[in-house]
Structure formats: C-alpha cells, structure tokens
Amino acid sequence: MAIVLTDSANYAAIARSIRAKNGAQTAYRPAEMAAAIDAIVIYAKRCPRSEPETVYVNAAGALSWDCAASITNLA
C-alpha cells in the first residue's frame, strides 16, 4: 500500500460524519473508522410479526437483516 500524506482535517470530517450518523461522541482513530462506518444502521422497517427489522449495509454494500424488540440507533 502506498504511503500518502493527508490533512488531519480530512480525518476530523470523516469522524464528524460517523458521529452524525451513529449518534455517538466517540473519538475515532483512522484505523477505527472503517469498522464504525460498517456498523452504521441506515434503514428500518417492520418484520412480519410487527417487530422492528433493521437493515445493515456495510462498506462493501452487503446487506444483513436483524429483527429485534427495539431499534435505538437509526441514522
């Protein structure tokens, strides 16, 4: 992998965007940002039994579905 220089403002902007989506106040290191982005919940709908169903989309675009009693972190 190539080594590149970047401005810390770029990392700060990415961290602000992550916090805006996940509602956390976490301080992120660059190595932690991809996992935080992968964990962002982007959509919710109802399961057949009227339980909330959450759709997760990771950075690769893969979907996973989860029915749960409650949804607390919607972007």
N, C-alpha and C. Protein backbone atom coordinates (compact mmCIF):
# COMPACT_ATOMS: atom_id res chain seq x y z
N MET A 1 0.84 -1.18 0.00
CA MET A 1 0.00 0.00 0.00
C MET A 1 0.88 1.23 0.00
N ALA A 2 0.53 2.20 -0.77
CA ALA A 2 1.29 3.44 -0.86
C ALA A 2 1.11 4.28 0.39
N ILE A 3 2.13 5.00 0.74
CA ILE A 3 2.07 5.93 1.86
C ILE A 3 1.74 7.30 1.29
N VAL A 4 0.70 7.92 1.85
CA VAL A 4 0.30 9.24 1.38
C VAL A 4 0.18 10.19 2.57
N LEU A 5 0.31 11.46 2.29
CA LEU A 5 0.11 12.48 3.31
C LEU A 5 -1.31 13.01 3.18
N THR A 6 -1.94 13.24 4.31
CA THR A 6 -3.28 13.82 4.30
C THR A 6 -3.39 14.81 5.45
N ASP A 7 -4.29 15.71 5.31
CA ASP A 7 -4.53 16.73 6.32
C ASP A 7 -5.40 16.14 7.43
N SER A 8 -5.10 16.45 8.68
CA SER A 8 -5.91 15.94 9.79
C SER A 8 -7.36 16.42 9.70
N ALA A 9 -7.60 17.50 8.98
CA ALA A 9 -8.98 17.98 8.81
C ALA A 9 -9.83 16.95 8.07
N ASN A 10 -9.20 16.19 7.17
CA ASN A 10 -9.94 15.15 6.46
C ASN A 10 -10.43 14.08 7.42
N TYR A 11 -9.57 13.64 8.34
CA TYR A 11 -9.96 12.64 9.32
C TYR A 11 -11.02 13.20 10.27
N ALA A 12 -10.88 14.45 10.65
CA ALA A 12 -11.86 15.07 11.54
C ALA A 12 -13.23 15.13 10.86
N ALA A 13 -13.25 15.43 9.57
CA ALA A 13 -14.52 15.48 8.84
C ALA A 13 -15.16 14.10 8.75
N ILE A 14 -14.36 13.08 8.51
CA ILE A 14 -14.90 11.70 8.46
C ILE A 14 -15.46 11.33 9.83
N ALA A 15 -14.73 11.62 10.89
CA ALA A 15 -15.20 11.29 12.24
C ALA A 15 -16.49 12.03 12.57
N ARG A 16 -16.60 13.31 12.17
CA ARG A 16 -17.85 14.06 12.39
C ARG A 16 -19.01 13.41 11.66
N SER A 17 -18.77 12.97 10.45
CA SER A 17 -19.83 12.31 9.67
C SER A 17 -20.27 11.01 10.33
N ILE A 18 -19.32 10.23 10.82
CA ILE A 18 -19.66 8.99 11.51
C ILE A 18 -20.50 9.29 12.74
N ARG A 19 -20.06 10.27 13.54
CA ARG A 19 -20.81 10.62 14.76
C ARG A 19 -22.20 11.15 14.42
N ALA A 20 -22.34 11.88 13.34
CA ALA A 20 -23.66 12.39 12.94
C ALA A 20 -24.60 11.25 12.59
N LYS A 21 -24.06 10.17 12.03
CA LYS A 21 -24.90 9.03 11.64
C LYS A 21 -25.18 8.08 12.79
N ASN A 22 -24.20 7.88 13.68
CA ASN A 22 -24.43 6.88 14.74
C ASN A 22 -24.79 7.48 16.09
N GLY A 23 -24.77 8.79 16.20
CA GLY A 23 -25.19 9.45 17.44
C GLY A 23 -24.20 9.34 18.58
N ALA A 24 -23.04 8.76 18.34
CA ALA A 24 -22.04 8.59 19.40
C ALA A 24 -21.18 9.85 19.53
N GLN A 25 -20.44 9.92 20.60
CA GLN A 25 -19.48 11.01 20.81
C GLN A 25 -18.05 10.45 20.84
N THR A 26 -17.86 9.34 20.18
CA THR A 26 -16.59 8.63 20.17
C THR A 26 -15.51 9.41 19.42
N ALA A 27 -14.29 9.36 19.95
CA ALA A 27 -13.13 9.88 19.24
C ALA A 27 -12.56 8.73 18.43
N TYR A 28 -12.49 8.87 17.11
CA TYR A 28 -12.06 7.80 16.23
C TYR A 28 -10.64 8.00 15.74
N ARG A 29 -9.88 6.92 15.74
CA ARG A 29 -8.58 6.88 15.07
C ARG A 29 -8.83 6.42 13.64
N PRO A 30 -7.98 6.79 12.69
CA PRO A 30 -8.20 6.37 11.31
C PRO A 30 -8.42 4.87 11.16
N ALA A 31 -7.70 4.05 11.89
CA ALA A 31 -7.83 2.60 11.79
C ALA A 31 -9.19 2.10 12.28
N GLU A 32 -9.91 2.90 13.06
CA GLU A 32 -11.21 2.51 13.61
C GLU A 32 -12.38 2.98 12.75
N MET A 33 -12.11 3.85 11.80
CA MET A 33 -13.19 4.48 11.04
C MET A 33 -13.96 3.52 10.14
N ALA A 34 -13.28 2.61 9.48
CA ALA A 34 -13.98 1.67 8.58
C ALA A 34 -14.97 0.82 9.35
N ALA A 35 -14.58 0.31 10.51
CA ALA A 35 -15.49 -0.50 11.32
C ALA A 35 -16.68 0.32 11.80
N ALA A 36 -16.44 1.57 12.16
CA ALA A 36 -17.53 2.44 12.60
C ALA A 36 -18.51 2.70 11.46
N ILE A 37 -18.00 2.88 10.27
CA ILE A 37 -18.86 3.09 9.10
C ILE A 37 -19.64 1.82 8.80
N ASP A 38 -18.98 0.66 8.88
CA ASP A 38 -19.66 -0.62 8.65
C ASP A 38 -20.83 -0.82 9.61
N ALA A 39 -20.71 -0.31 10.83
CA ALA A 39 -21.72 -0.54 11.86
C ALA A 39 -22.90 0.42 11.80
N ILE A 40 -22.87 1.40 10.93
CA ILE A 40 -23.96 2.38 10.86
C ILE A 40 -25.24 1.72 10.35
N VAL A 41 -26.32 1.93 11.09
CA VAL A 41 -27.64 1.44 10.69
C VAL A 41 -28.24 2.48 9.77
N ILE A 42 -28.70 2.05 8.59
CA ILE A 42 -29.19 3.03 7.65
C ILE A 42 -30.68 2.92 7.32
N TYR A 43 -31.35 1.86 7.74
CA TYR A 43 -32.74 1.67 7.33
C TYR A 43 -33.46 0.78 8.32
N ALA A 44 -34.72 1.03 8.55
CA ALA A 44 -35.51 0.16 9.41
C ALA A 44 -36.90 -0.01 8.81
N LYS A 45 -37.47 -1.19 8.96
CA LYS A 45 -38.85 -1.46 8.55
C LYS A 45 -39.42 -2.50 9.49
N ARG A 46 -40.62 -2.95 9.26
CA ARG A 46 -41.26 -3.90 10.16
C ARG A 46 -41.07 -5.35 9.72
N CYS A 47 -40.83 -6.22 10.68
CA CYS A 47 -40.81 -7.66 10.43
C CYS A 47 -42.25 -8.15 10.32
N PRO A 48 -42.46 -9.33 9.77
CA PRO A 48 -43.82 -9.86 9.65
C PRO A 48 -44.59 -9.91 10.97
N ARG A 49 -43.90 -10.12 12.07
CA ARG A 49 -44.56 -10.20 13.38
C ARG A 49 -44.65 -8.84 14.06
N SER A 50 -44.54 -7.77 13.31
CA SER A 50 -44.60 -6.40 13.81
C SER A 50 -43.44 -6.04 14.73
N GLU A 51 -42.35 -6.77 14.64
CA GLU A 51 -41.14 -6.40 15.36
C GLU A 51 -40.29 -5.55 14.42
N PRO A 52 -39.54 -4.59 14.96
CA PRO A 52 -38.68 -3.80 14.07
C PRO A 52 -37.65 -4.68 13.38
N GLU A 53 -37.43 -4.45 12.12
CA GLU A 53 -36.40 -5.13 11.36
C GLU A 53 -35.41 -4.08 10.90
N THR A 54 -34.15 -4.31 11.17
CA THR A 54 -33.12 -3.36 10.81
C THR A 54 -32.29 -3.93 9.68
N VAL A 55 -32.02 -3.10 8.69
CA VAL A 55 -31.17 -3.48 7.58
C VAL A 55 -29.83 -2.79 7.76
N TYR A 56 -28.76 -3.55 7.78
CA TYR A 56 -27.42 -3.02 7.90
C TYR A 56 -26.75 -3.12 6.53
N VAL A 57 -26.05 -2.08 6.12
CA VAL A 57 -25.29 -2.10 4.88
C VAL A 57 -23.85 -1.78 5.24
N ASN A 58 -22.94 -2.70 4.91
CA ASN A 58 -21.54 -2.42 5.23
C ASN A 58 -20.88 -1.67 4.08
N ALA A 59 -19.61 -1.34 4.23
CA ALA A 59 -18.91 -0.53 3.24
C ALA A 59 -18.84 -1.21 1.88
N ALA A 60 -18.90 -2.54 1.86
CA ALA A 60 -18.86 -3.28 0.59
C ALA A 60 -20.24 -3.35 -0.06
N GLY A 61 -21.26 -2.84 0.62
CA GLY A 61 -22.61 -2.86 0.07
C GLY A 61 -23.40 -4.10 0.42
N ALA A 62 -22.84 -4.98 1.25
CA ALA A 62 -23.55 -6.20 1.64
C ALA A 62 -24.64 -5.87 2.66
N LEU A 63 -25.79 -6.51 2.52
CA LEU A 63 -26.91 -6.28 3.43
C LEU A 63 -26.99 -7.39 4.46
N SER A 64 -27.41 -7.05 5.67
CA SER A 64 -27.77 -8.04 6.67
C SER A 64 -29.02 -7.53 7.36
N TRP A 65 -29.88 -8.44 7.77
CA TRP A 65 -31.19 -8.10 8.35
C TRP A 65 -31.25 -8.61 9.78
N ASP A 66 -31.91 -7.85 10.63
CA ASP A 66 -31.99 -8.22 12.03
C ASP A 66 -33.34 -7.79 12.59
N CYS A 67 -34.13 -8.75 13.08
CA CYS A 67 -35.37 -8.42 13.78
C CYS A 67 -35.04 -8.35 15.27
N ALA A 68 -35.50 -7.31 15.93
CA ALA A 68 -35.20 -7.12 17.34
C ALA A 68 -36.40 -6.47 18.02
N ALA A 69 -36.40 -6.50 19.34
CA ALA A 69 -37.51 -5.91 20.09
C ALA A 69 -37.52 -4.40 20.01
N SER A 70 -36.35 -3.79 19.79
CA SER A 70 -36.31 -2.35 19.68
C SER A 70 -35.15 -1.90 18.81
N ILE A 71 -35.27 -0.74 18.25
CA ILE A 71 -34.21 -0.13 17.46
C ILE A 71 -33.84 1.17 18.17
N THR A 72 -32.59 1.30 18.52
CA THR A 72 -32.20 2.50 19.25
C THR A 72 -31.26 3.41 18.48
N ASN A 73 -30.72 2.94 17.37
CA ASN A 73 -29.71 3.74 16.68
C ASN A 73 -29.99 3.78 15.19
N LEU A 74 -30.88 4.65 14.78
CA LEU A 74 -31.16 4.80 13.35
C LEU A 74 -30.50 6.05 12.84
N ALA A 75 -29.85 5.95 11.72
CA ALA A 75 -29.19 7.11 11.12
C ALA A 75 -30.19 7.96 10.41
